[in-house]
Amino acid sequence: MTITIYGIKNCDTMKKARTWLEGHGVAYAFHDYKAEGIDRRHLQAWSRKVGWEVLFNKAGTTFKALPEADKQGIDESKAIALMLAQPSMIKRPVLDLGNGKLLVGFKPDIYAGAVKG
């Protein structure tokens, strides 16, 4: 099973997740979507799996800084376009367990159940 963690290198939540994975001996690949980018195909697949509402970070400063008009009428298509344009709007981390399972956000108890089971 190949595990990939997607996020931004300097994000505090990412650091916690990566530290947790390393502390539990879980090998993983890291994809920094701010540095390496992310494609529409990934975002659409993730959206189908977990829902765009889970993936789209409305609580972050990037979303809050948007003009009011951009914050209105958000649906899956608009959310994906915004995330493509500004990957900081993707909730972090996205953990692809490689077995069809995808986790969004970091909760140690959920990680423990997912990587052990």
Protein backbone atom coordinates (compact mmCIF):
# COMPACT_ATOMS: atom_id res chain seq x y z
CA MET A 1 0.00 0.00 0.00
CA THR A 2 1.46 3.36 -1.09
CA ILE A 3 0.42 6.27 1.09
CA THR A 4 0.61 9.82 -0.21
CA ILE A 5 -0.01 12.89 1.89
CA TYR A 6 -1.00 16.02 -0.01
CA GLY A 7 -0.71 19.50 1.42
CA ILE A 8 1.55 22.47 1.96
CA LYS A 9 4.99 22.08 3.50
CA ASN A 10 4.78 24.83 6.11
CA CYS A 11 1.21 24.26 7.28
CA ASP A 12 1.06 23.48 11.03
CA THR A 13 -1.59 20.78 10.58
CA MET A 14 0.56 19.17 7.88
CA LYS A 15 3.54 19.17 10.23
CA LYS A 16 1.46 17.42 12.91
CA ALA A 17 0.22 14.80 10.44
CA ARG A 18 3.69 14.12 9.04
CA THR A 19 5.16 13.89 12.54
CA TRP A 20 2.40 11.45 13.49
CA LEU A 21 3.04 9.27 10.42
CA GLU A 22 6.80 9.25 11.04
CA GLY A 23 6.33 8.54 14.75
CA HIS A 24 4.20 5.51 13.89
CA GLY A 25 6.62 4.17 11.30
CA VAL A 26 4.29 4.83 8.38
CA ALA A 27 6.12 5.31 5.09
CA TYR A 28 4.59 7.91 2.83
CA ALA A 29 5.23 10.15 -0.16
CA PHE A 30 4.64 13.88 0.27
CA HIS A 31 3.08 16.01 -2.47
CA ASP A 32 3.27 19.76 -1.84
CA TYR A 33 0.46 21.04 -4.02
CA LYS A 34 1.51 24.62 -3.51
CA ALA A 35 4.96 23.88 -4.97
CA GLU A 36 4.09 21.00 -7.34
CA GLY A 37 0.52 21.94 -8.19
CA ILE A 38 -2.58 19.79 -8.28
CA ASP A 39 -4.65 18.85 -11.29
CA ARG A 40 -8.38 18.93 -11.93
CA ARG A 41 -8.48 15.12 -12.17
CA HIS A 42 -7.30 14.73 -8.55
CA LEU A 43 -9.70 17.36 -7.25
CA GLN A 44 -12.65 15.84 -9.09
CA ALA A 45 -11.81 12.33 -7.86
CA TRP A 46 -11.38 13.55 -4.29
CA SER A 47 -14.62 15.50 -4.53
CA ARG A 48 -16.49 12.39 -5.68
CA LYS A 49 -14.99 10.38 -2.83
CA VAL A 50 -15.41 12.76 0.13
CA GLY A 51 -17.58 15.59 -1.21
CA TRP A 52 -16.39 19.00 -2.32
CA GLU A 53 -17.73 20.55 0.89
CA VAL A 54 -15.24 18.47 2.92
CA LEU A 55 -12.36 19.26 0.58
CA PHE A 56 -12.98 23.00 0.23
CA ASN A 57 -11.53 25.06 3.08
CA LYS A 58 -13.90 27.93 3.81
CA ALA A 59 -12.31 28.54 7.21
CA GLY A 60 -8.90 29.55 5.88
CA THR A 61 -7.52 33.02 5.27
CA THR A 62 -7.32 32.47 1.50
CA PHE A 63 -11.09 31.96 1.25
CA LYS A 64 -11.81 34.81 3.64
CA ALA A 65 -9.68 37.15 1.50
CA LEU A 66 -11.77 36.46 -1.63
CA PRO A 67 -14.04 39.20 -2.95
CA GLU A 68 -17.61 38.74 -1.69
CA ALA A 69 -18.82 37.92 -5.21
CA ASP A 70 -16.46 34.92 -5.37
CA LYS A 71 -17.81 33.59 -2.07
CA GLN A 72 -21.38 33.46 -3.36
CA GLY A 73 -23.04 30.57 -5.17
CA ILE A 74 -20.30 28.04 -4.56
CA ASP A 75 -21.00 24.62 -5.99
CA GLU A 76 -18.65 21.76 -6.86
CA SER A 77 -17.55 23.27 -10.17
CA LYS A 78 -16.80 26.69 -8.67
CA ALA A 79 -15.05 25.15 -5.64
CA ILE A 80 -12.79 23.05 -7.88
CA ALA A 81 -11.96 26.11 -10.01
CA LEU A 82 -11.08 28.08 -6.87
CA MET A 83 -8.94 25.23 -5.49
CA LEU A 84 -7.11 24.90 -8.81
CA ALA A 85 -6.40 28.63 -8.86
CA GLN A 86 -5.41 28.76 -5.18
CA PRO A 87 -4.42 25.38 -3.73
CA SER A 88 -4.38 26.91 -0.23
CA MET A 89 -8.17 26.51 -0.36
CA ILE A 90 -7.83 22.72 -0.27
CA LYS A 91 -8.34 21.47 3.28
CA ARG A 92 -5.17 19.89 4.63
CA PRO A 93 -3.91 17.31 4.74
CA VAL A 94 -5.38 14.98 2.16
CA LEU A 95 -4.14 11.48 2.95
CA ASP A 96 -4.49 8.96 0.12
CA LEU A 97 -4.08 5.52 1.63
CA GLY A 98 -3.78 3.90 -1.79
CA ASN A 99 -6.55 1.39 -1.08
CA GLY A 100 -9.42 3.56 -2.23
CA LYS A 101 -9.56 5.31 1.15
CA LEU A 102 -9.05 9.06 1.46
CA LEU A 103 -8.83 11.10 4.65
CA VAL A 104 -9.15 14.88 4.76
CA GLY A 105 -7.88 16.78 7.78
CA PHE A 106 -5.84 15.39 10.65
CA LYS A 107 -7.22 13.52 13.62
CA PRO A 108 -4.75 11.11 15.27
CA ASP A 109 -7.42 8.57 16.25
CA ILE A 110 -8.75 8.40 12.69
CA TYR A 111 -5.23 8.07 11.28
CA ALA A 112 -4.50 5.27 13.76
CA GLY A 113 -7.56 3.29 12.67
CA ALA A 114 -6.91 3.87 8.98
CA VAL A 115 -3.22 2.99 8.79
CA LYS A 116 -3.46 0.01 11.14
CA GLY A 117 -6.65 -1.38 9.67
